[in-house]
Amino acid sequence: MFYPHSGSVNRRHFVAIAATVSLAGSTGLFDSAESSTLDLTVQNERAEPVSVQVVVADGEGTAYEDESDQIDSGVARAFQSRVGTEDRHEVTVSGEDWTGQLAWNATTCRLFDGQMRVTDELVAVAGECVVVAAAALSSRYQAITGHPTVFQSAPGVGW
């Protein structure tokens, strides 16, 4: 029969710490991240090639990317753009008779994955934050446990 340990670390704290540490590497918690990244895929499902204009900008109007390309029928094209680490950013993809937009908050999202699918009838857009920023992860830890986040390294251990 299993009897839970009644030590000083309760299960909720252990799980929160384990989740925080396991995500820390992918969030850039121990890095000095200087940018947020957009990974964008534009899929042309029309019968003819489409010319696209991709513009990535922040809320202040600073353009990080302004690129045009032609995408053949049935082909997907990938775009990547590095932007600042704070506030709202958006990507606008436009063609001759269509426009699609996505936005994300670079303060809380270090890697944003966006997809746009262009058909004869519509432009479908979807996006998600793939890598959460360290500050957002830290506040989630604090919300779960009620304790402030303090990361310390043991002697001889570097992050």
C-alpha atoms as a PDB file:
ATOM      1  CA  MET A   1       0.000   0.000   0.000  1.00  0.00           C
ATOM      2  CA  PHE A   2       1.277   3.469  -0.888  1.00  0.00           C
ATOM      3  CA  TYR A   3       1.258   6.170   1.764  1.00  0.00           C
ATOM      4  CA  PRO A   4       1.903   9.722   0.552  1.00  0.00           C
ATOM      5  CA  HIS A   5       4.936  11.392   2.040  1.00  0.00           C
ATOM      6  CA  SER A   6       4.060  14.117   4.493  1.00  0.00           C
ATOM      7  CA  GLY A   7       7.339  16.017   4.075  1.00  0.00           C
ATOM      8  CA  SER A   8       7.856  19.744   3.852  1.00  0.00           C
ATOM      9  CA  VAL A   9       7.150  20.051   0.106  1.00  0.00           C
ATOM     10  CA  ASN A  10       3.497  19.500  -0.643  1.00  0.00           C
ATOM     11  CA  ARG A  11       2.422  18.009  -3.940  1.00  0.00           C
ATOM     12  CA  ARG A  12       1.025  21.263  -5.400  1.00  0.00           C
ATOM     13  CA  HIS A  13       4.325  23.100  -4.845  1.00  0.00           C
ATOM     14  CA  PHE A  14       6.319  20.193  -6.246  1.00  0.00           C
ATOM     15  CA  VAL A  15       4.204  20.032  -9.406  1.00  0.00           C
ATOM     16  CA  ALA A  16       4.367  23.815  -9.893  1.00  0.00           C
ATOM     17  CA  ILE A  17       8.144  23.840  -9.439  1.00  0.00           C
ATOM     18  CA  ALA A  18       8.608  20.876 -11.768  1.00  0.00           C
ATOM     19  CA  ALA A  19       6.422  22.471 -14.438  1.00  0.00           C
ATOM     20  CA  THR A  20       8.232  25.788 -14.121  1.00  0.00           C
ATOM     21  CA  VAL A  21      11.685  24.243 -14.382  1.00  0.00           C
ATOM     22  CA  SER A  22      10.730  21.925 -17.236  1.00  0.00           C
ATOM     23  CA  LEU A  23       9.395  24.846 -19.267  1.00  0.00           C
ATOM     24  CA  ALA A  24      12.193  27.230 -18.340  1.00  0.00           C
ATOM     25  CA  GLY A  25      14.514  26.124 -21.109  1.00  0.00           C
ATOM     26  CA  SER A  26      11.908  26.490 -23.828  1.00  0.00           C
ATOM     27  CA  THR A  27      10.723  29.863 -22.538  1.00  0.00           C
ATOM     28  CA  GLY A  28      14.095  31.493 -22.431  1.00  0.00           C
ATOM     29  CA  LEU A  29      13.889  31.954 -18.652  1.00  0.00           C
ATOM     30  CA  PHE A  30      17.631  31.621 -18.223  1.00  0.00           C
ATOM     31  CA  ASP A  31      18.517  33.346 -21.474  1.00  0.00           C
ATOM     32  CA  SER A  32      18.625  37.032 -22.132  1.00  0.00           C
ATOM     33  CA  ALA A  33      15.941  36.902 -24.821  1.00  0.00           C
ATOM     34  CA  GLU A  34      16.033  40.037 -26.895  1.00  0.00           C
ATOM     35  CA  SER A  35      13.259  39.202 -29.315  1.00  0.00           C
ATOM     36  CA  SER A  36       9.980  37.494 -29.919  1.00  0.00           C
ATOM     37  CA  THR A  37       9.645  35.407 -33.065  1.00  0.00           C
ATOM     38  CA  LEU A  38       6.805  34.958 -35.537  1.00  0.00           C
ATOM     39  CA  ASP A  39       6.672  31.708 -37.518  1.00  0.00           C
ATOM     40  CA  LEU A  40       4.059  32.172 -40.234  1.00  0.00           C
ATOM     41  CA  THR A  41       2.803  29.754 -42.877  1.00  0.00           C
ATOM     42  CA  VAL A  42       0.679  30.979 -45.779  1.00  0.00           C
ATOM     43  CA  GLN A  43      -1.106  28.221 -47.740  1.00  0.00           C
ATOM     44  CA  ASN A  44      -2.488  28.965 -51.214  1.00  0.00           C
ATOM     45  CA  GLU A  45      -5.500  26.761 -51.915  1.00  0.00           C
ATOM     46  CA  ARG A  46      -6.642  28.746 -54.922  1.00  0.00           C
ATOM     47  CA  ALA A  47      -6.418  27.401 -58.483  1.00  0.00           C
ATOM     48  CA  GLU A  48      -3.967  30.146 -59.490  1.00  0.00           C
ATOM     49  CA  PRO A  49      -0.785  31.508 -57.873  1.00  0.00           C
ATOM     50  CA  VAL A  50      -1.241  34.440 -55.493  1.00  0.00           C
ATOM     51  CA  SER A  51       1.039  37.382 -54.859  1.00  0.00           C
ATOM     52  CA  VAL A  52       1.316  38.163 -51.159  1.00  0.00           C
ATOM     53  CA  GLN A  53       2.606  41.099 -49.157  1.00  0.00           C
ATOM     54  CA  VAL A  54       3.674  40.252 -45.581  1.00  0.00           C
ATOM     55  CA  VAL A  55       4.053  43.162 -43.140  1.00  0.00           C
ATOM     56  CA  VAL A  56       5.033  42.620 -39.494  1.00  0.00           C
ATOM     57  CA  ALA A  57       4.844  45.677 -37.214  1.00  0.00           C
ATOM     58  CA  ASP A  58       4.507  46.628 -33.560  1.00  0.00           C
ATOM     59  CA  GLY A  59       1.850  48.858 -32.014  1.00  0.00           C
ATOM     60  CA  GLU A  60       4.015  51.948 -32.522  1.00  0.00           C
ATOM     61  CA  GLY A  61       4.192  51.336 -36.277  1.00  0.00           C
ATOM     62  CA  THR A  62       7.786  50.037 -36.384  1.00  0.00           C
ATOM     63  CA  ALA A  63       7.987  47.611 -39.303  1.00  0.00           C
ATOM     64  CA  TYR A  64      10.072  44.497 -38.656  1.00  0.00           C
ATOM     65  CA  GLU A  65       9.296  42.801 -41.956  1.00  0.00           C
ATOM     66  CA  ASP A  66       7.929  43.937 -45.289  1.00  0.00           C
ATOM     67  CA  GLU A  67       8.247  41.162 -47.839  1.00  0.00           C
ATOM     68  CA  SER A  68       6.432  40.167 -50.990  1.00  0.00           C
ATOM     69  CA  ASP A  69       6.348  36.790 -52.671  1.00  0.00           C
ATOM     70  CA  GLN A  70       4.339  34.711 -55.093  1.00  0.00           C
ATOM     71  CA  ILE A  71       2.899  31.435 -53.834  1.00  0.00           C
ATOM     72  CA  ASP A  72       1.913  28.801 -56.380  1.00  0.00           C
ATOM     73  CA  SER A  73      -1.392  26.953 -56.218  1.00  0.00           C
ATOM     74  CA  GLY A  74      -1.400  24.194 -53.598  1.00  0.00           C
ATOM     75  CA  VAL A  75       1.841  25.422 -52.030  1.00  0.00           C
ATOM     76  CA  ALA A  76       2.568  26.709 -48.531  1.00  0.00           C
ATOM     77  CA  ARG A  77       5.235  29.329 -47.917  1.00  0.00           C
ATOM     78  CA  ALA A  78       6.934  29.873 -44.548  1.00  0.00           C
ATOM     79  CA  PHE A  79       7.953  33.292 -43.236  1.00  0.00           C
ATOM     80  CA  GLN A  80       9.849  34.086 -40.052  1.00  0.00           C
ATOM     81  CA  SER A  81      10.335  37.440 -38.380  1.00  0.00           C
ATOM     82  CA  ARG A  82      12.080  38.480 -35.154  1.00  0.00           C
ATOM     83  CA  VAL A  83      10.477  41.414 -33.359  1.00  0.00           C
ATOM     84  CA  GLY A  84      10.854  43.268 -30.057  1.00  0.00           C
ATOM     85  CA  THR A  85      10.028  41.685 -26.699  1.00  0.00           C
ATOM     86  CA  GLU A  86       7.303  44.043 -25.546  1.00  0.00           C
ATOM     87  CA  ASP A  87       3.703  44.863 -26.363  1.00  0.00           C
ATOM     88  CA  ARG A  88       1.421  44.047 -29.275  1.00  0.00           C
ATOM     89  CA  HIS A  89       2.727  42.990 -32.666  1.00  0.00           C
ATOM     90  CA  GLU A  90       0.744  42.092 -35.724  1.00  0.00           C
ATOM     91  CA  VAL A  91       1.239  40.513 -39.094  1.00  0.00           C
ATOM     92  CA  THR A  92      -0.838  41.515 -42.096  1.00  0.00           C
ATOM     93  CA  VAL A  93      -0.795  39.337 -45.185  1.00  0.00           C
ATOM     94  CA  SER A  94      -2.563  40.712 -48.214  1.00  0.00           C
ATOM     95  CA  GLY A  95      -3.149  39.806 -51.812  1.00  0.00           C
ATOM     96  CA  GLU A  96      -4.938  41.393 -54.730  1.00  0.00           C
ATOM     97  CA  ASP A  97      -8.440  40.857 -53.299  1.00  0.00           C
ATOM     98  CA  TRP A  98      -7.943  39.607 -49.721  1.00  0.00           C
ATOM     99  CA  THR A  99      -6.302  40.406 -46.378  1.00  0.00           C
ATOM    100  CA  GLY A 100      -5.602  38.360 -43.268  1.00  0.00           C
ATOM    101  CA  GLN A 101      -4.302  39.596 -39.894  1.00  0.00           C
ATOM    102  CA  LEU A 102      -2.984  38.048 -36.701  1.00  0.00           C
ATOM    103  CA  ALA A 103      -1.729  39.717 -33.521  1.00  0.00           C
ATOM    104  CA  TRP A 104       0.153  38.593 -30.413  1.00  0.00           C
ATOM    105  CA  ASN A 105       1.619  40.125 -27.285  1.00  0.00           C
ATOM    106  CA  ALA A 106       5.416  39.814 -27.363  1.00  0.00           C
ATOM    107  CA  THR A 107       5.598  40.618 -23.632  1.00  0.00           C
ATOM    108  CA  THR A 108       4.069  37.233 -22.820  1.00  0.00           C
ATOM    109  CA  CYS A 109       4.893  35.237 -25.965  1.00  0.00           C
ATOM    110  CA  ARG A 110       8.404  34.520 -27.227  1.00  0.00           C
ATOM    111  CA  LEU A 111       7.372  32.304 -30.171  1.00  0.00           C
ATOM    112  CA  PHE A 112       4.098  32.860 -32.024  1.00  0.00           C
ATOM    113  CA  ASP A 113       2.980  30.387 -34.684  1.00  0.00           C
ATOM    114  CA  GLY A 114       0.533  31.715 -37.274  1.00  0.00           C
ATOM    115  CA  GLN A 115      -1.186  30.079 -40.214  1.00  0.00           C
ATOM    116  CA  MET A 116      -3.168  31.599 -43.059  1.00  0.00           C
ATOM    117  CA  ARG A 117      -5.058  29.581 -45.631  1.00  0.00           C
ATOM    118  CA  VAL A 118      -6.210  31.409 -48.757  1.00  0.00           C
ATOM    119  CA  THR A 119      -9.071  29.890 -50.751  1.00  0.00           C
ATOM    120  CA  ASP A 120     -11.351  31.303 -53.457  1.00  0.00           C
ATOM    121  CA  GLU A 121     -14.046  31.962 -50.846  1.00  0.00           C
ATOM    122  CA  LEU A 122     -12.170  32.970 -47.694  1.00  0.00           C
ATOM    123  CA  VAL A 123      -9.002  33.646 -45.782  1.00  0.00           C
ATOM    124  CA  ALA A 124      -8.736  31.433 -42.696  1.00  0.00           C
ATOM    125  CA  VAL A 125      -6.359  32.569 -39.952  1.00  0.00           C
ATOM    126  CA  ALA A 126      -5.175  30.802 -36.817  1.00  0.00           C
ATOM    127  CA  GLY A 127      -2.398  31.430 -34.341  1.00  0.00           C
ATOM    128  CA  GLU A 128      -1.078  30.342 -30.994  1.00  0.00           C
ATOM    129  CA  CYS A 129       1.671  31.190 -28.572  1.00  0.00           C
ATOM    130  CA  VAL A 130       4.079  28.258 -28.662  1.00  0.00           C
ATOM    131  CA  VAL A 131       6.662  29.511 -26.155  1.00  0.00           C
ATOM    132  CA  VAL A 132       5.520  31.585 -23.181  1.00  0.00           C
ATOM    133  CA  ALA A 133       7.810  34.367 -21.937  1.00  0.00           C
ATOM    134  CA  ALA A 134       9.577  33.810 -18.619  1.00  0.00           C
ATOM    135  CA  ALA A 135       7.773  36.709 -16.936  1.00  0.00           C
ATOM    136  CA  ALA A 136       4.391  35.186 -17.794  1.00  0.00           C
ATOM    137  CA  LEU A 137       5.494  31.777 -16.568  1.00  0.00           C
ATOM    138  CA  SER A 138       6.760  33.313 -13.326  1.00  0.00           C
ATOM    139  CA  SER A 139       3.427  35.020 -12.657  1.00  0.00           C
ATOM    140  CA  ARG A 140       1.559  31.768 -13.348  1.00  0.00           C
ATOM    141  CA  TYR A 141       3.762  29.953 -10.833  1.00  0.00           C
ATOM    142  CA  GLN A 142       3.004  32.638  -8.266  1.00  0.00           C
ATOM    143  CA  ALA A 143      -0.734  32.412  -8.982  1.00  0.00           C
ATOM    144  CA  ILE A 144      -0.727  28.624  -8.499  1.00  0.00           C
ATOM    145  CA  THR A 145       1.404  28.464  -5.369  1.00  0.00           C
ATOM    146  CA  GLY A 146       0.874  31.861  -3.763  1.00  0.00           C
ATOM    147  CA  HIS A 147       4.649  32.206  -3.416  1.00  0.00           C
ATOM    148  CA  PRO A 148       6.931  34.652  -5.232  1.00  0.00           C
ATOM    149  CA  THR A 149       9.176  33.155  -7.863  1.00  0.00           C
ATOM    150  CA  VAL A 150      12.807  33.106  -6.876  1.00  0.00           C
ATOM    151  CA  PHE A 151      15.288  31.108  -8.906  1.00  0.00           C
ATOM    152  CA  GLN A 152      18.613  30.414  -7.282  1.00  0.00           C
ATOM    153  CA  SER A 153      21.430  28.359  -8.618  1.00  0.00           C
ATOM    154  CA  ALA A 154      23.293  25.933  -6.450  1.00  0.00           C
ATOM    155  CA  PRO A 155      27.044  26.418  -6.032  1.00  0.00           C
ATOM    156  CA  GLY A 156      28.797  25.167  -9.133  1.00  0.00           C
ATOM    157  CA  VAL A 157      25.575  24.944 -11.184  1.00  0.00           C
ATOM    158  CA  GLY A 158      25.100  27.411 -14.004  1.00  0.00           C
ATOM    159  CA  TRP A 159      21.931  28.057 -15.919  1.00  0.00           C
END
